[in-house]
Amino acid sequence: MRWDLLWEYDFKPGDEQTDAFKQAYYSKVLTHGRLEDIYEIGIVEIARWLPRLFLPWHVREFWEWYLNTESVRKKYGDLNIRPTETPPGVRRTGFLPV
């Protein structure tokens, strides 16, 4: 657990099991965390929380793509992470802003 990722929040030890904490922490890990932080959360947990995370559009699109790759499906099965509609603020393009 990297408390330094949550510097702008007022969470305290013991809050780790709340939905608000998980949403904030997982969002920060997927945006600014290290590979070890991602391993700590786990792929299944990331897939479960992905629709509720606050992520830049390109980070969200990467995770939606990655969780639907053949290697992830072979290992974890269909994680069913595709949202039924595009989340607010997410652009669905093949281009990165320049």
PDB file of N, CA and C in Angstrom:
ATOM      1  N   MET A   1       0.850  -1.174   0.000  1.00  0.00           N
ATOM      2  CA  MET A   1       0.000   0.000   0.000  1.00  0.00           C
ATOM      3  C   MET A   1       0.894   1.235   0.000  1.00  0.00           C
ATOM      4  N   ARG A   2       0.642   2.095  -0.955  1.00  0.00           N
ATOM      5  CA  ARG A   2       1.455   3.319  -1.070  1.00  0.00           C
ATOM      6  C   ARG A   2       0.615   4.533  -0.688  1.00  0.00           C
ATOM      7  N   TRP A   3       0.748   4.944   0.533  1.00  0.00           N
ATOM      8  CA  TRP A   3      -0.003   6.095   1.022  1.00  0.00           C
ATOM      9  C   TRP A   3       0.428   7.382   0.323  1.00  0.00           C
ATOM     10  N   ASP A   4       1.653   7.421  -0.212  1.00  0.00           N
ATOM     11  CA  ASP A   4       2.132   8.628  -0.876  1.00  0.00           C
ATOM     12  C   ASP A   4       1.329   8.951  -2.139  1.00  0.00           C
ATOM     13  N   LEU A   5       0.646   7.972  -2.717  1.00  0.00           N
ATOM     14  CA  LEU A   5      -0.193   8.224  -3.889  1.00  0.00           C
ATOM     15  C   LEU A   5      -1.466   8.979  -3.525  1.00  0.00           C
ATOM     16  N   LEU A   6      -1.814   8.965  -2.251  1.00  0.00           N
ATOM     17  CA  LEU A   6      -3.073   9.580  -1.801  1.00  0.00           C
ATOM     18  C   LEU A   6      -2.822  10.859  -1.018  1.00  0.00           C
ATOM     19  N   TRP A   7      -1.776  11.581  -1.367  1.00  0.00           N
ATOM     20  CA  TRP A   7      -1.385  12.758  -0.594  1.00  0.00           C
ATOM     21  C   TRP A   7      -2.484  13.810  -0.495  1.00  0.00           C
ATOM     22  N   GLU A   8      -3.377  13.917  -1.486  1.00  0.00           N
ATOM     23  CA  GLU A   8      -4.404  14.962  -1.456  1.00  0.00           C
ATOM     24  C   GLU A   8      -5.707  14.516  -0.782  1.00  0.00           C
ATOM     25  N   TYR A   9      -5.748  13.281  -0.294  1.00  0.00           N
ATOM     26  CA  TYR A   9      -6.932  12.757   0.384  1.00  0.00           C
ATOM     27  C   TYR A   9      -6.696  12.698   1.886  1.00  0.00           C
ATOM     28  N   ASP A  10      -7.783  12.591   2.623  1.00  0.00           N
ATOM     29  CA  ASP A  10      -7.695  12.543   4.080  1.00  0.00           C
ATOM     30  C   ASP A  10      -8.050  11.147   4.595  1.00  0.00           C
ATOM     31  N   PHE A  11      -7.511  10.104   3.968  1.00  0.00           N
ATOM     32  CA  PHE A  11      -7.741   8.742   4.430  1.00  0.00           C
ATOM     33  C   PHE A  11      -6.802   8.433   5.587  1.00  0.00           C
ATOM     34  N   LYS A  12      -7.267   7.549   6.435  1.00  0.00           N
ATOM     35  CA  LYS A  12      -6.469   7.123   7.577  1.00  0.00           C
ATOM     36  C   LYS A  12      -6.331   5.606   7.554  1.00  0.00           C
ATOM     37  N   PRO A  13      -5.298   5.070   8.220  1.00  0.00           N
ATOM     38  CA  PRO A  13      -5.196   3.609   8.311  1.00  0.00           C
ATOM     39  C   PRO A  13      -6.509   3.029   8.843  1.00  0.00           C
ATOM     40  N   GLY A  14      -6.965   1.989   8.207  1.00  0.00           N
ATOM     41  CA  GLY A  14      -8.255   1.393   8.543  1.00  0.00           C
ATOM     42  C   GLY A  14      -9.314   1.679   7.494  1.00  0.00           C
ATOM     43  N   ASP A  15      -9.069   2.692   6.659  1.00  0.00           N
ATOM     44  CA  ASP A  15     -10.014   3.047   5.589  1.00  0.00           C
ATOM     45  C   ASP A  15      -9.846   2.181   4.348  1.00  0.00           C
ATOM     46  N   GLU A  16      -8.844   1.307   4.335  1.00  0.00           N
ATOM     47  CA  GLU A  16      -8.507   0.552   3.131  1.00  0.00           C
ATOM     48  C   GLU A  16      -9.638  -0.318   2.598  1.00  0.00           C
ATOM     49  N   GLN A  17     -10.574  -0.697   3.421  1.00  0.00           N
ATOM     50  CA  GLN A  17     -11.651  -1.580   2.973  1.00  0.00           C
ATOM     51  C   GLN A  17     -12.890  -0.830   2.486  1.00  0.00           C
ATOM     52  N   THR A  18     -12.871   0.497   2.545  1.00  0.00           N
ATOM     53  CA  THR A  18     -14.030   1.263   2.090  1.00  0.00           C
ATOM     54  C   THR A  18     -14.008   1.405   0.571  1.00  0.00           C
ATOM     55  N   ASP A  19     -15.188   1.534  -0.013  1.00  0.00           N
ATOM     56  CA  ASP A  19     -15.274   1.723  -1.463  1.00  0.00           C
ATOM     57  C   ASP A  19     -14.620   3.031  -1.894  1.00  0.00           C
ATOM     58  N   ALA A  20     -14.780   4.088  -1.107  1.00  0.00           N
ATOM     59  CA  ALA A  20     -14.180   5.381  -1.455  1.00  0.00           C
ATOM     60  C   ALA A  20     -12.660   5.277  -1.517  1.00  0.00           C
ATOM     61  N   PHE A  21     -12.072   4.560  -0.573  1.00  0.00           N
ATOM     62  CA  PHE A  21     -10.626   4.385  -0.573  1.00  0.00           C
ATOM     63  C   PHE A  21     -10.178   3.594  -1.792  1.00  0.00           C
ATOM     64  N   LYS A  22     -10.855   2.478  -2.053  1.00  0.00           N
ATOM     65  CA  LYS A  22     -10.467   1.644  -3.196  1.00  0.00           C
ATOM     66  C   LYS A  22     -10.582   2.411  -4.504  1.00  0.00           C
ATOM     67  N   GLN A  23     -11.645   3.173  -4.662  1.00  0.00           N
ATOM     68  CA  GLN A  23     -11.823   3.936  -5.888  1.00  0.00           C
ATOM     69  C   GLN A  23     -10.688   4.947  -6.064  1.00  0.00           C
ATOM     70  N   ALA A  24     -10.346   5.666  -5.017  1.00  0.00           N
ATOM     71  CA  ALA A  24      -9.271   6.661  -5.100  1.00  0.00           C
ATOM     72  C   ALA A  24      -7.911   5.989  -5.290  1.00  0.00           C
ATOM     73  N   TYR A  25      -7.638   4.959  -4.499  1.00  0.00           N
ATOM     74  CA  TYR A  25      -6.330   4.313  -4.543  1.00  0.00           C
ATOM     75  C   TYR A  25      -6.101   3.595  -5.870  1.00  0.00           C
ATOM     76  N   TYR A  26      -7.066   2.828  -6.326  1.00  0.00           N
ATOM     77  CA  TYR A  26      -6.913   2.110  -7.587  1.00  0.00           C
ATOM     78  C   TYR A  26      -6.753   3.083  -8.754  1.00  0.00           C
ATOM     79  N   SER A  27      -7.485   4.192  -8.728  1.00  0.00           N
ATOM     80  CA  SER A  27      -7.344   5.208  -9.774  1.00  0.00           C
ATOM     81  C   SER A  27      -5.922   5.752  -9.801  1.00  0.00           C
ATOM     82  N   LYS A  28      -5.383   6.044  -8.626  1.00  0.00           N
ATOM     83  CA  LYS A  28      -4.017   6.575  -8.539  1.00  0.00           C
ATOM     84  C   LYS A  28      -2.984   5.535  -8.985  1.00  0.00           C
ATOM     85  N   VAL A  29      -3.174   4.293  -8.577  1.00  0.00           N
ATOM     86  CA  VAL A  29      -2.215   3.248  -8.950  1.00  0.00           C
ATOM     87  C   VAL A  29      -2.192   3.067 -10.462  1.00  0.00           C
ATOM     88  N   LEU A  30      -3.346   3.010 -11.102  1.00  0.00           N
ATOM     89  CA  LEU A  30      -3.373   2.799 -12.545  1.00  0.00           C
ATOM     90  C   LEU A  30      -2.846   4.003 -13.316  1.00  0.00           C
ATOM     91  N   THR A  31      -2.867   5.165 -12.696  1.00  0.00           N
ATOM     92  CA  THR A  31      -2.385   6.370 -13.350  1.00  0.00           C
ATOM     93  C   THR A  31      -0.924   6.673 -13.017  1.00  0.00           C
ATOM     94  N   HIS A  32      -0.533   6.472 -11.749  1.00  0.00           N
ATOM     95  CA  HIS A  32       0.800   6.894 -11.302  1.00  0.00           C
ATOM     96  C   HIS A  32       1.594   5.808 -10.582  1.00  0.00           C
ATOM     97  N   GLY A  33       1.032   4.620 -10.459  1.00  0.00           N
ATOM     98  CA  GLY A  33       1.686   3.580  -9.676  1.00  0.00           C
ATOM     99  C   GLY A  33       2.750   2.815 -10.427  1.00  0.00           C
ATOM    100  N   ARG A  34       3.367   1.920  -9.697  1.00  0.00           N
ATOM    101  CA  ARG A  34       4.409   1.047 -10.244  1.00  0.00           C
ATOM    102  C   ARG A  34       3.796  -0.324 -10.545  1.00  0.00           C
ATOM    103  N   LEU A  35       4.543  -1.137 -11.250  1.00  0.00           N
ATOM    104  CA  LEU A  35       4.092  -2.482 -11.576  1.00  0.00           C
ATOM    105  C   LEU A  35       3.801  -3.282 -10.308  1.00  0.00           C
ATOM    106  N   GLU A  36       4.626  -3.110  -9.291  1.00  0.00           N
ATOM    107  CA  GLU A  36       4.411  -3.817  -8.022  1.00  0.00           C
ATOM    108  C   GLU A  36       3.067  -3.442  -7.395  1.00  0.00           C
ATOM    109  N   ASP A  37       2.663  -2.174  -7.548  1.00  0.00           N
ATOM    110  CA  ASP A  37       1.376  -1.728  -7.008  1.00  0.00           C
ATOM    111  C   ASP A  37       0.222  -2.400  -7.747  1.00  0.00           C
ATOM    112  N   ILE A  38       0.378  -2.553  -9.050  1.00  0.00           N
ATOM    113  CA  ILE A  38      -0.654  -3.215  -9.858  1.00  0.00           C
ATOM    114  C   ILE A  38      -0.757  -4.684  -9.468  1.00  0.00           C
ATOM    115  N   TYR A  39       0.392  -5.347  -9.286  1.00  0.00           N
ATOM    116  CA  TYR A  39       0.385  -6.746  -8.843  1.00  0.00           C
ATOM    117  C   TYR A  39      -0.297  -6.883  -7.487  1.00  0.00           C
ATOM    118  N   GLU A  40      -0.078  -5.926  -6.611  1.00  0.00           N
ATOM    119  CA  GLU A  40      -0.679  -5.979  -5.275  1.00  0.00           C
ATOM    120  C   GLU A  40      -2.206  -5.938  -5.349  1.00  0.00           C
ATOM    121  N   ILE A  41      -2.736  -5.124  -6.251  1.00  0.00           N
ATOM    122  CA  ILE A  41      -4.193  -5.039  -6.412  1.00  0.00           C
ATOM    123  C   ILE A  41      -4.721  -6.299  -7.087  1.00  0.00           C
ATOM    124  N   GLY A  42      -4.095  -6.695  -8.182  1.00  0.00           N
ATOM    125  CA  GLY A  42      -4.523  -7.884  -8.911  1.00  0.00           C
ATOM    126  C   GLY A  42      -5.404  -7.553 -10.105  1.00  0.00           C
ATOM    127  N   ILE A  43      -5.267  -8.340 -11.141  1.00  0.00           N
ATOM    128  CA  ILE A  43      -5.982  -8.112 -12.400  1.00  0.00           C
ATOM    129  C   ILE A  43      -7.495  -8.241 -12.234  1.00  0.00           C
ATOM    130  N   VAL A  44      -7.943  -9.225 -11.498  1.00  0.00           N
ATOM    131  CA  VAL A  44      -9.392  -9.426 -11.329  1.00  0.00           C
ATOM    132  C   VAL A  44     -10.008  -8.239 -10.590  1.00  0.00           C
ATOM    133  N   GLU A  45      -9.337  -7.752  -9.573  1.00  0.00           N
ATOM    134  CA  GLU A  45      -9.836  -6.595  -8.815  1.00  0.00           C
ATOM    135  C   GLU A  45      -9.836  -5.341  -9.687  1.00  0.00           C
ATOM    136  N   ILE A  46      -8.810  -5.169 -10.489  1.00  0.00           N
ATOM    137  CA  ILE A  46      -8.773  -4.020 -11.409  1.00  0.00           C
ATOM    138  C   ILE A  46      -9.943  -4.090 -12.383  1.00  0.00           C
ATOM    139  N   ALA A  47     -10.185  -5.260 -12.947  1.00  0.00           N
ATOM    140  CA  ALA A  47     -11.301  -5.424 -13.890  1.00  0.00           C
ATOM    141  C   ALA A  47     -12.635  -5.131 -13.222  1.00  0.00           C
ATOM    142  N   ARG A  48     -12.774  -5.562 -11.988  1.00  0.00           N
ATOM    143  CA  ARG A  48     -14.029  -5.349 -11.260  1.00  0.00           C
ATOM    144  C   ARG A  48     -14.286  -3.867 -10.996  1.00  0.00           C
ATOM    145  N   TRP A  49     -13.234  -3.121 -10.714  1.00  0.00           N
ATOM    146  CA  TRP A  49     -13.364  -1.717 -10.349  1.00  0.00           C
ATOM    147  C   TRP A  49     -13.229  -0.761 -11.527  1.00  0.00           C
ATOM    148  N   LEU A  50     -12.722  -1.199 -12.658  1.00  0.00           N
ATOM    149  CA  LEU A  50     -12.424  -0.313 -13.775  1.00  0.00           C
ATOM    150  C   LEU A  50     -13.563   0.634 -14.155  1.00  0.00           C
ATOM    151  N   PRO A  51     -14.800   0.189 -14.255  1.00  0.00           N
ATOM    152  CA  PRO A  51     -15.864   1.124 -14.646  1.00  0.00           C
ATOM    153  C   PRO A  51     -16.073   2.275 -13.663  1.00  0.00           C
ATOM    154  N   ARG A  52     -15.633   2.114 -12.414  1.00  0.00           N
ATOM    155  CA  ARG A  52     -15.861   3.141 -11.391  1.00  0.00           C
ATOM    156  C   ARG A  52     -14.642   4.007 -11.090  1.00  0.00           C
ATOM    157  N   LEU A  53     -13.547   3.794 -11.802  1.00  0.00           N
ATOM    158  CA  LEU A  53     -12.326   4.533 -11.506  1.00  0.00           C
ATOM    159  C   LEU A  53     -12.261   5.840 -12.280  1.00  0.00           C
ATOM    160  N   PHE A  54     -11.588   6.818 -11.679  1.00  0.00           N
ATOM    161  CA  PHE A  54     -11.358   8.113 -12.317  1.00  0.00           C
ATOM    162  C   PHE A  54     -10.009   8.046 -13.026  1.00  0.00           C
ATOM    163  N   LEU A  55     -10.055   7.878 -14.349  1.00  0.00           N
ATOM    164  CA  LEU A  55      -8.836   7.681 -15.121  1.00  0.00           C
ATOM    165  C   LEU A  55      -8.821   8.594 -16.331  1.00  0.00           C
ATOM    166  N   PRO A  56      -7.630   9.030 -16.746  1.00  0.00           N
ATOM    167  CA  PRO A  56      -7.539   9.720 -18.037  1.00  0.00           C
ATOM    168  C   PRO A  56      -8.001   8.770 -19.139  1.00  0.00           C
ATOM    169  N   TRP A  57      -8.539   9.318 -20.218  1.00  0.00           N
ATOM    170  CA  TRP A  57      -9.130   8.475 -21.261  1.00  0.00           C
ATOM    171  C   TRP A  57      -8.141   7.468 -21.822  1.00  0.00           C
ATOM    172  N   HIS A  58      -6.880   7.876 -22.004  1.00  0.00           N
ATOM    173  CA  HIS A  58      -5.917   6.953 -22.603  1.00  0.00           C
ATOM    174  C   HIS A  58      -5.536   5.823 -21.648  1.00  0.00           C
ATOM    175  N   VAL A  59      -5.579   6.081 -20.350  1.00  0.00           N
ATOM    176  CA  VAL A  59      -5.309   5.020 -19.365  1.00  0.00           C
ATOM    177  C   VAL A  59      -6.469   4.035 -19.358  1.00  0.00           C
ATOM    178  N   ARG A  60      -7.694   4.555 -19.379  1.00  0.00           N
ATOM    179  CA  ARG A  60      -8.885   3.685 -19.407  1.00  0.00           C
ATOM    180  C   ARG A  60      -8.885   2.817 -20.670  1.00  0.00           C
ATOM    181  N   GLU A  61      -8.598   3.426 -21.807  1.00  0.00           N
ATOM    182  CA  GLU A  61      -8.595   2.655 -23.056  1.00  0.00           C
ATOM    183  C   GLU A  61      -7.521   1.577 -23.042  1.00  0.00           C
ATOM    184  N   PHE A  62      -6.352   1.887 -22.474  1.00  0.00           N
ATOM    185  CA  PHE A  62      -5.318   0.861 -22.370  1.00  0.00           C
ATOM    186  C   PHE A  62      -5.826  -0.307 -21.556  1.00  0.00           C
ATOM    187  N   TRP A  63      -6.391  -0.075 -20.376  1.00  0.00           N
ATOM    188  CA  TRP A  63      -6.834  -1.167 -19.505  1.00  0.00           C
ATOM    189  C   TRP A  63      -7.982  -1.944 -20.124  1.00  0.00           C
ATOM    190  N   GLU A  64      -8.894  -1.271 -20.805  1.00  0.00           N
ATOM    191  CA  GLU A  64      -9.964  -1.994 -21.495  1.00  0.00           C
ATOM    192  C   GLU A  64      -9.378  -2.903 -22.565  1.00  0.00           C
ATOM    193  N   TRP A  65      -8.396  -2.401 -23.297  1.00  0.00           N
ATOM    194  CA  TRP A  65      -7.733  -3.229 -24.312  1.00  0.00           C
ATOM    195  C   TRP A  65      -6.995  -4.389 -23.651  1.00  0.00           C
ATOM    196  N   TYR A  66      -6.174  -4.106 -22.661  1.00  0.00           N
ATOM    197  CA  TYR A  66      -5.343  -5.125 -22.030  1.00  0.00           C
ATOM    198  C   TYR A  66      -6.189  -6.236 -21.401  1.00  0.00           C
ATOM    199  N   LEU A  67      -7.243  -5.868 -20.720  1.00  0.00           N
ATOM    200  CA  LEU A  67      -8.073  -6.869 -20.048  1.00  0.00           C
ATOM    201  C   LEU A  67      -8.865  -7.726 -21.029  1.00  0.00           C
ATOM    202  N   ASN A  68      -8.886  -7.313 -22.286  1.00  0.00           N
ATOM    203  CA  ASN A  68      -9.552  -8.110 -23.324  1.00  0.00           C
ATOM    204  C   ASN A  68      -8.569  -8.838 -24.230  1.00  0.00           C
ATOM    205  N   THR A  69      -7.277  -8.808 -23.906  1.00  0.00           N
ATOM    206  CA  THR A  69      -6.299  -9.524 -24.728  1.00  0.00           C
ATOM    207  C   THR A  69      -6.450 -11.027 -24.520  1.00  0.00           C
ATOM    208  N   GLU A  70      -5.979 -11.775 -25.501  1.00  0.00           N
ATOM    209  CA  GLU A  70      -6.094 -13.233 -25.457  1.00  0.00           C
ATOM    210  C   GLU A  70      -5.368 -13.827 -24.252  1.00  0.00           C
ATOM    211  N   SER A  71      -4.187 -13.300 -23.934  1.00  0.00           N
ATOM    212  CA  SER A  71      -3.426 -13.863 -22.812  1.00  0.00           C
ATOM    213  C   SER A  71      -4.138 -13.651 -21.479  1.00  0.00           C
ATOM    214  N   VAL A  72      -4.777 -12.512 -21.292  1.00  0.00           N
ATOM    215  CA  VAL A  72      -5.519 -12.269 -20.047  1.00  0.00           C
ATOM    216  C   VAL A  72      -6.761 -13.150 -20.012  1.00  0.00           C
ATOM    217  N   ARG A  73      -7.446 -13.279 -21.141  1.00  0.00           N
ATOM    218  CA  ARG A  73      -8.641 -14.142 -21.179  1.00  0.00           C
ATOM    219  C   ARG A  73      -8.298 -15.595 -20.893  1.00  0.00           C
ATOM    220  N   LYS A  74      -7.139 -16.062 -21.402  1.00  0.00           N
ATOM    221  CA  LYS A  74      -6.733 -17.440 -21.130  1.00  0.00           C
ATOM    222  C   LYS A  74      -6.478 -17.660 -19.645  1.00  0.00           C
ATOM    223  N   LYS A  75      -5.862 -16.693 -19.012  1.00  0.00           N
ATOM    224  CA  LYS A  75      -5.491 -16.843 -17.609  1.00  0.00           C
ATOM    225  C   LYS A  75      -6.657 -16.613 -16.651  1.00  0.00           C
ATOM    226  N   TYR A  76      -7.508 -15.607 -16.938  1.00  0.00           N
ATOM    227  CA  TYR A  76      -8.555 -15.210 -15.991  1.00  0.00           C
ATOM    228  C   TYR A  76      -9.974 -15.435 -16.493  1.00  0.00           C
ATOM    229  N   GLY A  77     -10.135 -15.826 -17.749  1.00  0.00           N
ATOM    230  CA  GLY A  77     -11.466 -15.950 -18.322  1.00  0.00           C
ATOM    231  C   GLY A  77     -11.953 -14.590 -18.801  1.00  0.00           C
ATOM    232  N   ASP A  78     -13.209 -14.517 -19.205  1.00  0.00           N
ATOM    233  CA  ASP A  78     -13.778 -13.253 -19.674  1.00  0.00           C
ATOM    234  C   ASP A  78     -14.094 -12.398 -18.461  1.00  0.00           C
ATOM    235  N   LEU A  79     -13.397 -11.292 -18.314  1.00  0.00           N
ATOM    236  CA  LEU A  79     -13.583 -10.411 -17.165  1.00  0.00           C
ATOM    237  C   LEU A  79     -14.730  -9.435 -17.356  1.00  0.00           C
ATOM    238  N   ASN A  80     -15.306  -9.405 -18.575  1.00  0.00           N
ATOM    239  CA  ASN A  80     -16.486  -8.591 -18.857  1.00  0.00           C
ATOM    240  C   ASN A  80     -16.296  -7.146 -18.418  1.00  0.00           C
ATOM    241  N   ILE A  81     -15.256  -6.503 -18.907  1.00  0.00           N
ATOM    242  CA  ILE A  81     -14.962  -5.153 -18.460  1.00  0.00           C
ATOM    243  C   ILE A  81     -15.423  -4.076 -19.433  1.00  0.00           C
ATOM    244  N   ARG A  82     -15.903  -4.449 -20.590  1.00  0.00           N
ATOM    245  CA  ARG A  82     -16.350  -3.436 -21.539  1.00  0.00           C
ATOM    246  C   ARG A  82     -17.592  -2.730 -21.002  1.00  0.00           C
ATOM    247  N   PRO A  83     -17.521  -1.407 -20.839  1.00  0.00           N
ATOM    248  CA  PRO A  83     -18.721  -0.699 -20.402  1.00  0.00           C
ATOM    249  C   PRO A  83     -19.775  -0.729 -21.504  1.00  0.00           C
ATOM    250  N   THR A  84     -21.042  -0.688 -21.113  1.00  0.00           N
ATOM    251  CA  THR A  84     -22.105  -0.713 -22.106  1.00  0.00           C
ATOM    252  C   THR A  84     -22.175   0.601 -22.855  1.00  0.00           C
ATOM    253  N   GLU A  85     -21.686   1.670 -22.248  1.00  0.00           N
ATOM    254  CA  GLU A  85     -21.598   2.949 -22.936  1.00  0.00           C
ATOM    255  C   GLU A  85     -20.308   3.630 -22.512  1.00  0.00           C
ATOM    256  N   THR A  86     -19.879   4.588 -23.282  1.00  0.00           N
ATOM    257  CA  THR A  86     -18.632   5.286 -22.982  1.00  0.00           C
ATOM    258  C   THR A  86     -18.806   6.115 -21.716  1.00  0.00           C
ATOM    259  N   PRO A  87     -17.898   5.965 -20.737  1.00  0.00           N
ATOM    260  CA  PRO A  87     -17.991   6.783 -19.534  1.00  0.00           C
ATOM    261  C   PRO A  87     -17.856   8.259 -19.866  1.00  0.00           C
ATOM    262  N   PRO A  88     -18.445   9.146 -19.061  1.00  0.00           N
ATOM    263  CA  PRO A  88     -18.339  10.580 -19.321  1.00  0.00           C
ATOM    264  C   PRO A  88     -16.882  11.020 -19.383  1.00  0.00           C
ATOM    265  N   GLY A  89     -16.559  11.852 -20.349  1.00  0.00           N
ATOM    266  CA  GLY A  89     -15.214  12.397 -20.466  1.00  0.00           C
ATOM    267  C   GLY A  89     -14.216  11.505 -21.179  1.00  0.00           C
ATOM    268  N   VAL A  90     -14.628  10.320 -21.609  1.00  0.00           N
ATOM    269  CA  VAL A  90     -13.709   9.408 -22.285  1.00  0.00           C
ATOM    270  C   VAL A  90     -13.904   9.556 -23.787  1.00  0.00           C
ATOM    271  N   ARG A  91     -12.808   9.825 -24.487  1.00  0.00           N
ATOM    272  CA  ARG A  91     -12.860   9.926 -25.943  1.00  0.00           C
ATOM    273  C   ARG A  91     -12.464   8.585 -26.526  1.00  0.00           C
ATOM    274  N   ARG A  92     -13.189   8.109 -27.466  1.00  0.00           N
ATOM    275  CA  ARG A  92     -12.875   6.840 -28.111  1.00  0.00           C
ATOM    276  C   ARG A  92     -12.240   7.134 -29.468  1.00  0.00           C
ATOM    277  N   THR A  93     -10.931   7.378 -29.455  1.00  0.00           N
ATOM    278  CA  THR A  93     -10.215   7.606 -30.702  1.00  0.00           C
ATOM    279  C   THR A  93      -8.962   6.767 -30.695  1.00  0.00           C
ATOM    280  N   GLY A  94      -8.346   6.654 -31.823  1.00  0.00           N
ATOM    281  CA  GLY A  94      -7.091   5.935 -31.918  1.00  0.00           C
ATOM    282  C   GLY A  94      -5.895   6.869 -31.821  1.00  0.00           C
ATOM    283  N   PHE A  95      -6.133   8.137 -31.519  1.00  0.00           N
ATOM    284  CA  PHE A  95      -5.058   9.103 -31.490  1.00  0.00           C
ATOM    285  C   PHE A  95      -4.804   9.604 -30.091  1.00  0.00           C
ATOM    286  N   LEU A  96      -3.545   9.820 -29.793  1.00  0.00           N
ATOM    287  CA  LEU A  96      -3.169  10.459 -28.543  1.00  0.00           C
ATOM    288  C   LEU A  96      -3.052  11.950 -28.794  1.00  0.00           C
ATOM    289  N   PRO A  97      -3.411  12.785 -27.808  1.00  0.00           N
ATOM    290  CA  PRO A  97      -3.284  14.233 -28.029  1.00  0.00           C
ATOM    291  C   PRO A  97      -1.824  14.615 -28.208  1.00  0.00           C
ATOM    292  N   VAL A  98      -1.591  15.588 -29.041  1.00  0.00           N
ATOM    293  CA  VAL A  98      -0.220  16.041 -29.308  1.00  0.00           C
ATOM    294  C   VAL A  98      -0.029  17.404 -28.679  1.00  0.00           C
TER     295      VAL A  98
END
